[in-house]
Amino acid sequence: MTPTLNFTAVTSGGLAYDVEFPLHPLTRSTQGVSDLLTALLETISRHVEDRRDLSDGDILQALCLTLAVRARMVGATPDSARELVVELFDAAHRAACAAMPYEAGRA
């Protein structure tokens, strides 16, 4: 059975998405993946909070550049690292697209 990560993302505009991410069968730590995902999203939010000079495209580009560098650093062949990145992205993107937005509750 494929492990999953249930994750709720809330946008700055108040929309929330409950995403059920399928994880790679060799995932060592679902909690570690969740913690890193949360930390990365929080870091991005803090960094762009007061930056009007960054577009969503700029953010996606920076993430892609980071992913490319990290994929190169893992020690796999470039082709196998690329295949894994594409496989993981496609699965995550499908899961994110399947999540329907809803108004996040405000406390």
C-alpha atoms as a PDB file:
ATOM      1  CA  MET A   1       0.000   0.000   0.000  1.00  0.00           C
ATOM      2  CA  THR A   2       1.283   3.443  -0.934  1.00  0.00           C
ATOM      3  CA  PRO A   3       1.828   5.702   2.076  1.00  0.00           C
ATOM      4  CA  THR A   4       0.023   9.045   2.043  1.00  0.00           C
ATOM      5  CA  LEU A   5       0.471  12.422   3.642  1.00  0.00           C
ATOM      6  CA  ASN A   6      -2.680  14.330   4.540  1.00  0.00           C
ATOM      7  CA  PHE A   7      -1.830  18.025   4.445  1.00  0.00           C
ATOM      8  CA  THR A   8      -3.903  21.188   4.772  1.00  0.00           C
ATOM      9  CA  ALA A   9      -2.611  24.249   2.972  1.00  0.00           C
ATOM     10  CA  VAL A  10      -4.087  27.676   3.683  1.00  0.00           C
ATOM     11  CA  THR A  11      -3.550  30.571   1.294  1.00  0.00           C
ATOM     12  CA  SER A  12      -2.981  34.172   2.337  1.00  0.00           C
ATOM     13  CA  GLY A  13      -6.424  34.884   0.859  1.00  0.00           C
ATOM     14  CA  GLY A  14      -8.102  32.502   3.295  1.00  0.00           C
ATOM     15  CA  LEU A  15      -8.701  29.490   1.070  1.00  0.00           C
ATOM     16  CA  ALA A  16      -7.761  26.066   2.363  1.00  0.00           C
ATOM     17  CA  TYR A  17      -6.968  22.849   0.533  1.00  0.00           C
ATOM     18  CA  ASP A  18      -6.939  19.400   2.122  1.00  0.00           C
ATOM     19  CA  VAL A  19      -4.492  17.420   0.020  1.00  0.00           C
ATOM     20  CA  GLU A  20      -3.887  13.689   0.234  1.00  0.00           C
ATOM     21  CA  PHE A  21      -0.394  13.329  -1.178  1.00  0.00           C
ATOM     22  CA  PRO A  22       0.709   9.868  -2.274  1.00  0.00           C
ATOM     23  CA  LEU A  23       4.235   9.292  -1.040  1.00  0.00           C
ATOM     24  CA  HIS A  24       6.937   7.248  -2.678  1.00  0.00           C
ATOM     25  CA  PRO A  25       6.914   3.637  -1.408  1.00  0.00           C
ATOM     26  CA  LEU A  26      10.471   4.070  -0.091  1.00  0.00           C
ATOM     27  CA  THR A  27       9.603   7.132   2.012  1.00  0.00           C
ATOM     28  CA  ARG A  28      11.460   6.778   5.313  1.00  0.00           C
ATOM     29  CA  SER A  29       9.595   9.359   7.383  1.00  0.00           C
ATOM     30  CA  THR A  30       6.125  10.648   6.610  1.00  0.00           C
ATOM     31  CA  GLN A  31       6.423  13.023   9.563  1.00  0.00           C
ATOM     32  CA  GLY A  32       9.791  14.257   8.306  1.00  0.00           C
ATOM     33  CA  VAL A  33       8.308  14.945   4.866  1.00  0.00           C
ATOM     34  CA  SER A  34       5.394  16.787   6.479  1.00  0.00           C
ATOM     35  CA  ASP A  35       7.696  18.851   8.703  1.00  0.00           C
ATOM     36  CA  LEU A  36       9.932  19.819   5.790  1.00  0.00           C
ATOM     37  CA  LEU A  37       6.946  20.713   3.588  1.00  0.00           C
ATOM     38  CA  THR A  38       5.545  22.925   6.357  1.00  0.00           C
ATOM     39  CA  ALA A  39       8.920  24.587   6.967  1.00  0.00           C
ATOM     40  CA  LEU A  40       9.464  25.270   3.268  1.00  0.00           C
ATOM     41  CA  LEU A  41       6.010  26.798   2.803  1.00  0.00           C
ATOM     42  CA  GLU A  42       6.396  28.919   5.947  1.00  0.00           C
ATOM     43  CA  THR A  43       9.803  30.128   4.775  1.00  0.00           C
ATOM     44  CA  ILE A  44       8.390  31.112   1.390  1.00  0.00           C
ATOM     45  CA  SER A  45       5.471  32.930   3.026  1.00  0.00           C
ATOM     46  CA  ARG A  46       7.791  34.889   5.331  1.00  0.00           C
ATOM     47  CA  HIS A  47      10.158  35.742   2.501  1.00  0.00           C
ATOM     48  CA  VAL A  48       7.497  37.046   0.116  1.00  0.00           C
ATOM     49  CA  GLU A  49       5.328  38.751   2.739  1.00  0.00           C
ATOM     50  CA  ASP A  50       6.628  42.260   2.018  1.00  0.00           C
ATOM     51  CA  ARG A  51       8.089  41.647  -1.439  1.00  0.00           C
ATOM     52  CA  ARG A  52       5.967  43.162  -4.178  1.00  0.00           C
ATOM     53  CA  ASP A  53       8.752  42.540  -6.707  1.00  0.00           C
ATOM     54  CA  LEU A  54       8.250  38.743  -6.692  1.00  0.00           C
ATOM     55  CA  SER A  55       5.584  37.128  -8.829  1.00  0.00           C
ATOM     56  CA  ASP A  56       4.121  33.667  -8.357  1.00  0.00           C
ATOM     57  CA  GLY A  57       6.160  32.683 -11.413  1.00  0.00           C
ATOM     58  CA  ASP A  58       9.334  33.925  -9.719  1.00  0.00           C
ATOM     59  CA  ILE A  59       8.543  31.764  -6.693  1.00  0.00           C
ATOM     60  CA  LEU A  60       7.896  28.688  -8.846  1.00  0.00           C
ATOM     61  CA  GLN A  61      11.120  29.349 -10.760  1.00  0.00           C
ATOM     62  CA  ALA A  62      13.136  29.555  -7.530  1.00  0.00           C
ATOM     63  CA  LEU A  63      11.579  26.310  -6.340  1.00  0.00           C
ATOM     64  CA  CYS A  64      12.412  24.596  -9.639  1.00  0.00           C
ATOM     65  CA  LEU A  65      15.994  25.836  -9.456  1.00  0.00           C
ATOM     66  CA  THR A  66      16.245  24.544  -5.884  1.00  0.00           C
ATOM     67  CA  LEU A  67      14.810  21.187  -6.916  1.00  0.00           C
ATOM     68  CA  ALA A  68      17.255  20.916  -9.813  1.00  0.00           C
ATOM     69  CA  VAL A  69      20.230  21.665  -7.573  1.00  0.00           C
ATOM     70  CA  ARG A  70      19.025  19.243  -4.896  1.00  0.00           C
ATOM     71  CA  ALA A  71      18.413  16.507  -7.486  1.00  0.00           C
ATOM     72  CA  ARG A  72      21.978  16.956  -8.701  1.00  0.00           C
ATOM     73  CA  MET A  73      23.320  16.712  -5.148  1.00  0.00           C
ATOM     74  CA  VAL A  74      21.772  13.315  -4.306  1.00  0.00           C
ATOM     75  CA  GLY A  75      24.435  11.322  -6.099  1.00  0.00           C
ATOM     76  CA  ALA A  76      22.161   9.554  -8.559  1.00  0.00           C
ATOM     77  CA  THR A  77      22.722   9.733 -12.284  1.00  0.00           C
ATOM     78  CA  PRO A  78      21.188  12.867 -13.795  1.00  0.00           C
ATOM     79  CA  ASP A  79      18.662  10.810 -15.754  1.00  0.00           C
ATOM     80  CA  SER A  80      17.496   8.721 -12.788  1.00  0.00           C
ATOM     81  CA  ALA A  81      17.254  11.808 -10.553  1.00  0.00           C
ATOM     82  CA  ARG A  82      15.193  13.573 -13.227  1.00  0.00           C
ATOM     83  CA  GLU A  83      12.880  10.570 -13.599  1.00  0.00           C
ATOM     84  CA  LEU A  84      12.287  10.475  -9.851  1.00  0.00           C
ATOM     85  CA  VAL A  85      11.653  14.235  -9.688  1.00  0.00           C
ATOM     86  CA  VAL A  86       9.145  14.051 -12.554  1.00  0.00           C
ATOM     87  CA  GLU A  87       7.398  11.025 -11.023  1.00  0.00           C
ATOM     88  CA  LEU A  88       7.157  12.683  -7.600  1.00  0.00           C
ATOM     89  CA  PHE A  89       6.029  16.022  -9.029  1.00  0.00           C
ATOM     90  CA  ASP A  90       3.364  14.489 -11.248  1.00  0.00           C
ATOM     91  CA  ALA A  91       1.872  12.535  -8.342  1.00  0.00           C
ATOM     92  CA  ALA A  92       1.971  15.544  -6.002  1.00  0.00           C
ATOM     93  CA  HIS A  93       0.527  17.859  -8.657  1.00  0.00           C
ATOM     94  CA  ARG A  94      -2.362  15.484  -9.361  1.00  0.00           C
ATOM     95  CA  ALA A  95      -3.129  15.300  -5.636  1.00  0.00           C
ATOM     96  CA  ALA A  96      -2.971  19.083  -5.209  1.00  0.00           C
ATOM     97  CA  CYS A  97      -5.228  19.623  -8.235  1.00  0.00           C
ATOM     98  CA  ALA A  98      -7.762  17.125  -6.885  1.00  0.00           C
ATOM     99  CA  ALA A  99      -8.118  19.094  -3.643  1.00  0.00           C
ATOM    100  CA  MET A 100     -11.121  21.384  -3.710  1.00  0.00           C
ATOM    101  CA  PRO A 101     -10.722  24.834  -2.119  1.00  0.00           C
ATOM    102  CA  TYR A 102     -12.870  25.940   0.795  1.00  0.00           C
ATOM    103  CA  GLU A 103     -13.009  28.985   3.054  1.00  0.00           C
ATOM    104  CA  ALA A 104     -10.633  28.524   5.966  1.00  0.00           C
ATOM    105  CA  GLY A 105     -12.152  29.197   9.376  1.00  0.00           C
ATOM    106  CA  ARG A 106     -10.924  32.273  11.166  1.00  0.00           C
ATOM    107  CA  ALA A 107     -10.465  32.158  14.929  1.00  0.00           C
END
